[in-house]
Amino acid sequence: MQSGTARTHKWVLEYEPEAAKGPEPLMGWTAAGDTVGQVSLKFTSLDMAKKFAEDKGLAYTVLAERSKTIRPRNYGDNFRYKPPEDEGA
C-alpha cells in the first residue's frame, strides 16, 4: 500500500456530539443518541469553512494543521538486518 497525499489538503467541519456514546441495550454495541457525529463536511479553504459556520450560526474552533513527514522506504528495508542497540555502553 502506498499512502499518498493527493486530495488530503481540505478543511473538515465536524459537529460536536450532543450526547455521549454508550452501549446499546439490545446488542451491547456502542451507540450514539444523535446522528450529528456522522456528518463531516469538507471545504477547499479555511475561509469557506468559516463562512459556512458563521452563516449557520455555529461556534467553531480551528485546529492547527499537523505536518506529516514521509520517510521514503523500499520494500527491501523490511528485511534489512538492524544490529541490536548496545545497551551496556
PDB file of N, CA and C in Angstrom:
ATOM      1  N   MET A   1       0.840  -1.176   0.000  1.00  0.00           N
ATOM      2  CA  MET A   1       0.000   0.000   0.000  1.00  0.00           C
ATOM      3  C   MET A   1       0.887   1.241   0.000  1.00  0.00           C
ATOM      4  N   GLN A   2       0.488   2.222  -0.739  1.00  0.00           N
ATOM      5  CA  GLN A   2       1.212   3.485  -0.746  1.00  0.00           C
ATOM      6  C   GLN A   2       0.257   4.572  -0.278  1.00  0.00           C
ATOM      7  N   SER A   3       0.661   5.250   0.748  1.00  0.00           N
ATOM      8  CA  SER A   3      -0.176   6.306   1.303  1.00  0.00           C
ATOM      9  C   SER A   3       0.295   7.643   0.752  1.00  0.00           C
ATOM     10  N   GLY A   4      -0.380   8.122  -0.248  1.00  0.00           N
ATOM     11  CA  GLY A   4      -0.022   9.395  -0.850  1.00  0.00           C
ATOM     12  C   GLY A   4      -0.727  10.548  -0.164  1.00  0.00           C
ATOM     13  N   THR A   5      -0.424  11.745  -0.614  1.00  0.00           N
ATOM     14  CA  THR A   5      -1.028  12.932  -0.013  1.00  0.00           C
ATOM     15  C   THR A   5      -1.994  13.634  -0.967  1.00  0.00           C
ATOM     16  N   ALA A   6      -2.335  13.001  -2.072  1.00  0.00           N
ATOM     17  CA  ALA A   6      -3.267  13.620  -3.007  1.00  0.00           C
ATOM     18  C   ALA A   6      -4.648  13.727  -2.369  1.00  0.00           C
ATOM     19  N   ARG A   7      -5.321  14.803  -2.621  1.00  0.00           N
ATOM     20  CA  ARG A   7      -6.675  15.070  -2.129  1.00  0.00           C
ATOM     21  C   ARG A   7      -6.784  15.040  -0.610  1.00  0.00           C
ATOM     22  N   THR A   8      -5.730  15.431   0.084  1.00  0.00           N
ATOM     23  CA  THR A   8      -5.781  15.457   1.548  1.00  0.00           C
ATOM     24  C   THR A   8      -5.734  16.874   2.090  1.00  0.00           C
ATOM     25  N   HIS A   9      -5.592  17.861   1.227  1.00  0.00           N
ATOM     26  CA  HIS A   9      -5.448  19.245   1.680  1.00  0.00           C
ATOM     27  C   HIS A   9      -6.802  19.947   1.693  1.00  0.00           C
ATOM     28  N   LYS A  10      -7.712  19.427   2.522  1.00  0.00           N
ATOM     29  CA  LYS A  10      -9.037  20.009   2.639  1.00  0.00           C
ATOM     30  C   LYS A  10      -9.295  20.345   4.111  1.00  0.00           C
ATOM     31  N   TRP A  11     -10.204  21.273   4.327  1.00  0.00           N
ATOM     32  CA  TRP A  11     -10.620  21.638   5.673  1.00  0.00           C
ATOM     33  C   TRP A  11     -11.901  20.896   5.981  1.00  0.00           C
ATOM     34  N   VAL A  12     -11.998  20.321   7.165  1.00  0.00           N
ATOM     35  CA  VAL A  12     -13.133  19.486   7.539  1.00  0.00           C
ATOM     36  C   VAL A  12     -13.897  20.148   8.675  1.00  0.00           C
ATOM     37  N   LEU A  13     -15.212  20.218   8.531  1.00  0.00           N
ATOM     38  CA  LEU A  13     -16.092  20.724   9.579  1.00  0.00           C
ATOM     39  C   LEU A  13     -16.817  19.522  10.173  1.00  0.00           C
ATOM     40  N   GLU A  14     -16.597  19.288  11.467  1.00  0.00           N
ATOM     41  CA  GLU A  14     -17.260  18.192  12.165  1.00  0.00           C
ATOM     42  C   GLU A  14     -18.035  18.770  13.342  1.00  0.00           C
ATOM     43  N   TYR A  15     -19.214  18.253  13.570  1.00  0.00           N
ATOM     44  CA  TYR A  15     -20.059  18.715  14.663  1.00  0.00           C
ATOM     45  C   TYR A  15     -19.655  18.034  15.961  1.00  0.00           C
ATOM     46  N   GLU A  16     -19.798  18.760  17.060  1.00  0.00           N
ATOM     47  CA  GLU A  16     -19.588  18.175  18.381  1.00  0.00           C
ATOM     48  C   GLU A  16     -20.783  17.280  18.687  1.00  0.00           C
ATOM     49  N   PRO A  17     -20.561  16.117  19.278  1.00  0.00           N
ATOM     50  CA  PRO A  17     -21.698  15.254  19.612  1.00  0.00           C
ATOM     51  C   PRO A  17     -22.537  15.875  20.729  1.00  0.00           C
ATOM     52  N   GLU A  18     -23.839  15.714  20.608  1.00  0.00           N
ATOM     53  CA  GLU A  18     -24.743  16.278  21.609  1.00  0.00           C
ATOM     54  C   GLU A  18     -24.885  15.357  22.811  1.00  0.00           C
ATOM     55  N   ALA A  19     -24.690  14.074  22.614  1.00  0.00           N
ATOM     56  CA  ALA A  19     -24.810  13.110  23.710  1.00  0.00           C
ATOM     57  C   ALA A  19     -23.606  12.179  23.686  1.00  0.00           C
ATOM     58  N   ALA A  20     -23.260  11.670  24.845  1.00  0.00           N
ATOM     59  CA  ALA A  20     -22.132  10.741  24.932  1.00  0.00           C
ATOM     60  C   ALA A  20     -22.522   9.379  24.352  1.00  0.00           C
ATOM     61  N   LYS A  21     -21.531   8.677  23.817  1.00  0.00           N
ATOM     62  CA  LYS A  21     -21.781   7.336  23.297  1.00  0.00           C
ATOM     63  C   LYS A  21     -21.842   6.354  24.456  1.00  0.00           C
ATOM     64  N   GLY A  22     -22.665   5.347  24.289  1.00  0.00           N
ATOM     65  CA  GLY A  22     -22.808   4.342  25.335  1.00  0.00           C
ATOM     66  C   GLY A  22     -23.246   3.019  24.733  1.00  0.00           C
ATOM     67  N   PRO A  23     -23.315   1.982  25.525  1.00  0.00           N
ATOM     68  CA  PRO A  23     -23.724   0.682  24.990  1.00  0.00           C
ATOM     69  C   PRO A  23     -25.206   0.659  24.632  1.00  0.00           C
ATOM     70  N   GLU A  24     -25.500   0.063  23.503  1.00  0.00           N
ATOM     71  CA  GLU A  24     -26.874  -0.087  23.049  1.00  0.00           C
ATOM     72  C   GLU A  24     -27.506  -1.228  23.845  1.00  0.00           C
ATOM     73  N   PRO A  25     -28.727  -1.060  24.372  1.00  0.00           N
ATOM     74  CA  PRO A  25     -29.277  -2.040  25.316  1.00  0.00           C
ATOM     75  C   PRO A  25     -29.478  -3.445  24.746  1.00  0.00           C
ATOM     76  N   LEU A  26     -29.859  -3.573  23.497  1.00  0.00           N
ATOM     77  CA  LEU A  26     -30.190  -4.891  22.964  1.00  0.00           C
ATOM     78  C   LEU A  26     -28.946  -5.705  22.633  1.00  0.00           C
ATOM     79  N   MET A  27     -28.032  -5.139  21.844  1.00  0.00           N
ATOM     80  CA  MET A  27     -26.867  -5.903  21.383  1.00  0.00           C
ATOM     81  C   MET A  27     -25.586  -5.561  22.140  1.00  0.00           C
ATOM     82  N   GLY A  28     -25.564  -4.423  22.823  1.00  0.00           N
ATOM     83  CA  GLY A  28     -24.371  -4.037  23.557  1.00  0.00           C
ATOM     84  C   GLY A  28     -23.345  -3.293  22.728  1.00  0.00           C
ATOM     85  N   TRP A  29     -23.671  -2.981  21.478  1.00  0.00           N
ATOM     86  CA  TRP A  29     -22.748  -2.239  20.630  1.00  0.00           C
ATOM     87  C   TRP A  29     -22.701  -0.783  21.078  1.00  0.00           C
ATOM     88  N   THR A  30     -21.644  -0.096  20.723  1.00  0.00           N
ATOM     89  CA  THR A  30     -21.543   1.323  21.043  1.00  0.00           C
ATOM     90  C   THR A  30     -22.502   2.096  20.153  1.00  0.00           C
ATOM     91  N   ALA A  31     -23.325   2.925  20.771  1.00  0.00           N
ATOM     92  CA  ALA A  31     -24.324   3.693  20.020  1.00  0.00           C
ATOM     93  C   ALA A  31     -24.329   5.129  20.514  1.00  0.00           C
ATOM     94  N   ALA A  32     -24.755   6.019  19.636  1.00  0.00           N
ATOM     95  CA  ALA A  32     -24.886   7.427  19.982  1.00  0.00           C
ATOM     96  C   ALA A  32     -26.362   7.809  19.922  1.00  0.00           C
ATOM     97  N   GLY A  33     -26.725   8.766  20.747  1.00  0.00           N
ATOM     98  CA  GLY A  33     -28.112   9.195  20.782  1.00  0.00           C
ATOM     99  C   GLY A  33     -28.479  10.145  19.653  1.00  0.00           C
ATOM    100  N   ASP A  34     -27.484  10.665  18.929  1.00  0.00           N
ATOM    101  CA  ASP A  34     -27.763  11.589  17.833  1.00  0.00           C
ATOM    102  C   ASP A  34     -26.984  11.149  16.591  1.00  0.00           C
ATOM    103  N   THR A  35     -27.400  11.664  15.461  1.00  0.00           N
ATOM    104  CA  THR A  35     -26.740  11.301  14.197  1.00  0.00           C
ATOM    105  C   THR A  35     -25.796  12.396  13.710  1.00  0.00           C
ATOM    106  N   VAL A  36     -25.585  13.420  14.513  1.00  0.00           N
ATOM    107  CA  VAL A  36     -24.735  14.538  14.101  1.00  0.00           C
ATOM    108  C   VAL A  36     -23.281  14.086  13.950  1.00  0.00           C
ATOM    109  N   GLY A  37     -22.866  13.081  14.707  1.00  0.00           N
ATOM    110  CA  GLY A  37     -21.495  12.587  14.625  1.00  0.00           C
ATOM    111  C   GLY A  37     -21.157  11.953  13.287  1.00  0.00           C
ATOM    112  N   GLN A  38     -22.163  11.640  12.496  1.00  0.00           N
ATOM    113  CA  GLN A  38     -21.931  11.035  11.192  1.00  0.00           C
ATOM    114  C   GLN A  38     -21.712  12.083  10.101  1.00  0.00           C
ATOM    115  N   VAL A  39     -21.934  13.359  10.419  1.00  0.00           N
ATOM    116  CA  VAL A  39     -21.828  14.419   9.424  1.00  0.00           C
ATOM    117  C   VAL A  39     -20.420  14.996   9.436  1.00  0.00           C
ATOM    118  N   SER A  40     -19.804  15.046   8.263  1.00  0.00           N
ATOM    119  CA  SER A  40     -18.471  15.622   8.100  1.00  0.00           C
ATOM    120  C   SER A  40     -18.456  16.361   6.770  1.00  0.00           C
ATOM    121  N   LEU A  41     -18.286  17.672   6.819  1.00  0.00           N
ATOM    122  CA  LEU A  41     -18.292  18.491   5.605  1.00  0.00           C
ATOM    123  C   LEU A  41     -16.858  18.891   5.261  1.00  0.00           C
ATOM    124  N   LYS A  42     -16.499  18.811   3.979  1.00  0.00           N
ATOM    125  CA  LYS A  42     -15.152  19.156   3.545  1.00  0.00           C
ATOM    126  C   LYS A  42     -15.187  20.417   2.684  1.00  0.00           C
ATOM    127  N   PHE A  43     -14.204  21.294   2.920  1.00  0.00           N
ATOM    128  CA  PHE A  43     -14.096  22.548   2.191  1.00  0.00           C
ATOM    129  C   PHE A  43     -12.685  22.675   1.627  1.00  0.00           C
ATOM    130  N   THR A  44     -12.552  23.388   0.525  1.00  0.00           N
ATOM    131  CA  THR A  44     -11.237  23.554  -0.102  1.00  0.00           C
ATOM    132  C   THR A  44     -10.398  24.622   0.570  1.00  0.00           C
ATOM    133  N   SER A  45     -11.022  25.523   1.332  1.00  0.00           N
ATOM    134  CA  SER A  45     -10.253  26.564   2.007  1.00  0.00           C
ATOM    135  C   SER A  45     -10.820  26.807   3.405  1.00  0.00           C
ATOM    136  N   LEU A  46      -9.980  27.362   4.257  1.00  0.00           N
ATOM    137  CA  LEU A  46     -10.395  27.690   5.614  1.00  0.00           C
ATOM    138  C   LEU A  46     -11.465  28.771   5.609  1.00  0.00           C
ATOM    139  N   ASP A  47     -11.338  29.735   4.706  1.00  0.00           N
ATOM    140  CA  ASP A  47     -12.320  30.825   4.635  1.00  0.00           C
ATOM    141  C   ASP A  47     -13.710  30.311   4.301  1.00  0.00           C
ATOM    142  N   MET A  48     -13.794  29.335   3.392  1.00  0.00           N
ATOM    143  CA  MET A  48     -15.095  28.764   3.034  1.00  0.00           C
ATOM    144  C   MET A  48     -15.714  28.039   4.226  1.00  0.00           C
ATOM    145  N   ALA A  49     -14.899  27.317   4.994  1.00  0.00           N
ATOM    146  CA  ALA A  49     -15.404  26.596   6.166  1.00  0.00           C
ATOM    147  C   ALA A  49     -15.891  27.578   7.232  1.00  0.00           C
ATOM    148  N   LYS A  50     -15.120  28.647   7.458  1.00  0.00           N
ATOM    149  CA  LYS A  50     -15.526  29.657   8.437  1.00  0.00           C
ATOM    150  C   LYS A  50     -16.812  30.349   8.015  1.00  0.00           C
ATOM    151  N   LYS A  51     -16.919  30.691   6.730  1.00  0.00           N
ATOM    152  CA  LYS A  51     -18.114  31.377   6.228  1.00  0.00           C
ATOM    153  C   LYS A  51     -19.347  30.497   6.399  1.00  0.00           C
ATOM    154  N   PHE A  52     -19.219  29.200   6.104  1.00  0.00           N
ATOM    155  CA  PHE A  52     -20.335  28.276   6.273  1.00  0.00           C
ATOM    156  C   PHE A  52     -20.777  28.236   7.730  1.00  0.00           C
ATOM    157  N   ALA A  53     -19.809  28.114   8.642  1.00  0.00           N
ATOM    158  CA  ALA A  53     -20.144  28.044  10.067  1.00  0.00           C
ATOM    159  C   ALA A  53     -20.794  29.335  10.542  1.00  0.00           C
ATOM    160  N   GLU A  54     -20.281  30.473  10.090  1.00  0.00           N
ATOM    161  CA  GLU A  54     -20.849  31.754  10.511  1.00  0.00           C
ATOM    162  C   GLU A  54     -22.246  31.959   9.932  1.00  0.00           C
ATOM    163  N   ASP A  55     -22.456  31.544   8.677  1.00  0.00           N
ATOM    164  CA  ASP A  55     -23.780  31.677   8.065  1.00  0.00           C
ATOM    165  C   ASP A  55     -24.823  30.835   8.787  1.00  0.00           C
ATOM    166  N   LYS A  56     -24.410  29.673   9.300  1.00  0.00           N
ATOM    167  CA  LYS A  56     -25.336  28.779  10.011  1.00  0.00           C
ATOM    168  C   LYS A  56     -25.418  29.085  11.499  1.00  0.00           C
ATOM    169  N   GLY A  57     -24.620  30.058  11.969  1.00  0.00           N
ATOM    170  CA  GLY A  57     -24.643  30.422  13.382  1.00  0.00           C
ATOM    171  C   GLY A  57     -23.969  29.400  14.284  1.00  0.00           C
ATOM    172  N   LEU A  58     -22.957  28.721  13.770  1.00  0.00           N
ATOM    173  CA  LEU A  58     -22.264  27.691  14.541  1.00  0.00           C
ATOM    174  C   LEU A  58     -20.996  28.255  15.168  1.00  0.00           C
ATOM    175  N   ALA A  59     -20.740  27.917  16.416  1.00  0.00           N
ATOM    176  CA  ALA A  59     -19.465  28.258  17.044  1.00  0.00           C
ATOM    177  C   ALA A  59     -18.435  27.253  16.531  1.00  0.00           C
ATOM    178  N   TYR A  60     -17.230  27.722  16.264  1.00  0.00           N
ATOM    179  CA  TYR A  60     -16.231  26.810  15.705  1.00  0.00           C
ATOM    180  C   TYR A  60     -14.869  27.038  16.335  1.00  0.00           C
ATOM    181  N   THR A  61     -14.036  26.030  16.230  1.00  0.00           N
ATOM    182  CA  THR A  61     -12.654  26.076  16.693  1.00  0.00           C
ATOM    183  C   THR A  61     -11.782  25.577  15.554  1.00  0.00           C
ATOM    184  N   VAL A  62     -10.737  26.329  15.232  1.00  0.00           N
ATOM    185  CA  VAL A  62      -9.819  25.925  14.165  1.00  0.00           C
ATOM    186  C   VAL A  62      -8.615  25.255  14.812  1.00  0.00           C
ATOM    187  N   LEU A  63      -8.384  24.009  14.442  1.00  0.00           N
ATOM    188  CA  LEU A  63      -7.239  23.277  14.958  1.00  0.00           C
ATOM    189  C   LEU A  63      -6.065  23.462  14.009  1.00  0.00           C
ATOM    190  N   ALA A  64      -4.871  23.571  14.558  1.00  0.00           N
ATOM    191  CA  ALA A  64      -3.670  23.766  13.743  1.00  0.00           C
ATOM    192  C   ALA A  64      -3.431  22.544  12.857  1.00  0.00           C
ATOM    193  N   GLU A  65      -2.953  22.814  11.667  1.00  0.00           N
ATOM    194  CA  GLU A  65      -2.675  21.740  10.724  1.00  0.00           C
ATOM    195  C   GLU A  65      -1.443  20.971  11.181  1.00  0.00           C
ATOM    196  N   ARG A  66      -1.548  19.656  11.193  1.00  0.00           N
ATOM    197  CA  ARG A  66      -0.424  18.831  11.602  1.00  0.00           C
ATOM    198  C   ARG A  66       0.457  18.524  10.397  1.00  0.00           C
ATOM    199  N   SER A  67       1.754  18.613  10.599  1.00  0.00           N
ATOM    200  CA  SER A  67       2.659  18.286   9.499  1.00  0.00           C
ATOM    201  C   SER A  67       3.014  16.809   9.573  1.00  0.00           C
ATOM    202  N   LYS A  68       3.174  16.210   8.422  1.00  0.00           N
ATOM    203  CA  LYS A  68       3.496  14.790   8.342  1.00  0.00           C
ATOM    204  C   LYS A  68       4.785  14.639   7.555  1.00  0.00           C
ATOM    205  N   THR A  69       5.745  13.977   8.152  1.00  0.00           N
ATOM    206  CA  THR A  69       6.990  13.719   7.438  1.00  0.00           C
ATOM    207  C   THR A  69       6.922  12.328   6.843  1.00  0.00           C
ATOM    208  N   ILE A  70       7.194  12.264   5.582  1.00  0.00           N
ATOM    209  CA  ILE A  70       7.179  10.990   4.879  1.00  0.00           C
ATOM    210  C   ILE A  70       8.620  10.548   4.679  1.00  0.00           C
ATOM    211  N   ARG A  71       8.936   9.389   5.248  1.00  0.00           N
ATOM    212  CA  ARG A  71      10.266   8.843   5.077  1.00  0.00           C
ATOM    213  C   ARG A  71      10.228   7.856   3.916  1.00  0.00           C
ATOM    214  N   PRO A  72      10.971   8.135   2.847  1.00  0.00           N
ATOM    215  CA  PRO A  72      10.985   7.196   1.738  1.00  0.00           C
ATOM    216  C   PRO A  72      11.581   5.858   2.173  1.00  0.00           C
ATOM    217  N   ARG A  73      10.913   4.789   1.816  1.00  0.00           N
ATOM    218  CA  ARG A  73      11.379   3.455   2.160  1.00  0.00           C
ATOM    219  C   ARG A  73      11.238   2.545   0.961  1.00  0.00           C
ATOM    220  N   ASN A  74      12.030   1.525   0.959  1.00  0.00           N
ATOM    221  CA  ASN A  74      11.953   0.487  -0.067  1.00  0.00           C
ATOM    222  C   ASN A  74      11.389  -0.769   0.560  1.00  0.00           C
ATOM    223  N   TYR A  75      10.893  -1.665  -0.270  1.00  0.00           N
ATOM    224  CA  TYR A  75      10.362  -2.927   0.229  1.00  0.00           C
ATOM    225  C   TYR A  75      11.465  -3.737   0.906  1.00  0.00           C
ATOM    226  N   GLY A  76      12.678  -3.630   0.408  1.00  0.00           N
ATOM    227  CA  GLY A  76      13.795  -4.376   0.978  1.00  0.00           C
ATOM    228  C   GLY A  76      14.140  -3.932   2.392  1.00  0.00           C
ATOM    229  N   ASP A  77      13.744  -2.701   2.777  1.00  0.00           N
ATOM    230  CA  ASP A  77      14.014  -2.231   4.129  1.00  0.00           C
ATOM    231  C   ASP A  77      13.309  -3.077   5.182  1.00  0.00           C
ATOM    232  N   ASN A  78      12.222  -3.745   4.812  1.00  0.00           N
ATOM    233  CA  ASN A  78      11.508  -4.603   5.749  1.00  0.00           C
ATOM    234  C   ASN A  78      12.353  -5.784   6.187  1.00  0.00           C
ATOM    235  N   PHE A  79      13.327  -6.177   5.375  1.00  0.00           N
ATOM    236  CA  PHE A  79      14.123  -7.367   5.651  1.00  0.00           C
ATOM    237  C   PHE A  79      15.585  -7.039   5.952  1.00  0.00           C
ATOM    238  N   ARG A  80      15.926  -5.784   6.045  1.00  0.00           N
ATOM    239  CA  ARG A  80      17.300  -5.375   6.309  1.00  0.00           C
ATOM    240  C   ARG A  80      17.690  -5.735   7.738  1.00  0.00           C
ATOM    241  N   TYR A  81      18.924  -6.183   7.910  1.00  0.00           N
ATOM    242  CA  TYR A  81      19.433  -6.509   9.235  1.00  0.00           C
ATOM    243  C   TYR A  81      19.749  -5.225   9.991  1.00  0.00           C
ATOM    244  N   LYS A  82      19.189  -5.126  11.172  1.00  0.00           N
ATOM    245  CA  LYS A  82      19.465  -3.995  12.043  1.00  0.00           C
ATOM    246  C   LYS A  82      20.157  -4.535  13.289  1.00  0.00           C
ATOM    247  N   PRO A  83      21.409  -4.206  13.484  1.00  0.00           N
ATOM    248  CA  PRO A  83      22.089  -4.738  14.674  1.00  0.00           C
ATOM    249  C   PRO A  83      21.432  -4.217  15.938  1.00  0.00           C
ATOM    250  N   PRO A  84      21.425  -5.036  17.004  1.00  0.00           N
ATOM    251  CA  PRO A  84      20.815  -4.579  18.273  1.00  0.00           C
ATOM    252  C   PRO A  84      21.581  -3.403  18.843  1.00  0.00           C
ATOM    253  N   GLU A  85      20.852  -2.533  19.527  1.00  0.00           N
ATOM    254  CA  GLU A  85      21.479  -1.363  20.144  1.00  0.00           C
ATOM    255  C   GLU A  85      22.334  -1.829  21.318  1.00  0.00           C
ATOM    256  N   ASP A  86      23.484  -1.189  21.474  1.00  0.00           N
ATOM    257  CA  ASP A  86      24.386  -1.546  22.564  1.00  0.00           C
ATOM    258  C   ASP A  86      23.891  -0.879  23.842  1.00  0.00           C
ATOM    259  N   GLU A  87      23.248  -1.677  24.707  1.00  0.00           N
ATOM    260  CA  GLU A  87      22.646  -1.138  25.931  1.00  0.00           C
ATOM    261  C   GLU A  87      23.646  -1.032  27.065  1.00  0.00           C
ATOM    262  N   GLY A  88      24.742  -1.757  27.027  1.00  0.00           N
ATOM    263  CA  GLY A  88      25.683  -1.774  28.128  1.00  0.00           C
ATOM    264  C   GLY A  88      26.706  -0.651  28.079  1.00  0.00           C
ATOM    265  N   ALA A  89      26.820   0.066  26.984  1.00  0.00           N
ATOM    266  CA  ALA A  89      27.861   1.083  26.871  1.00  0.00           C
ATOM    267  C   ALA A  89      27.440   2.409  27.414  1.00  0.00           C
TER     268      ALA A  89
END
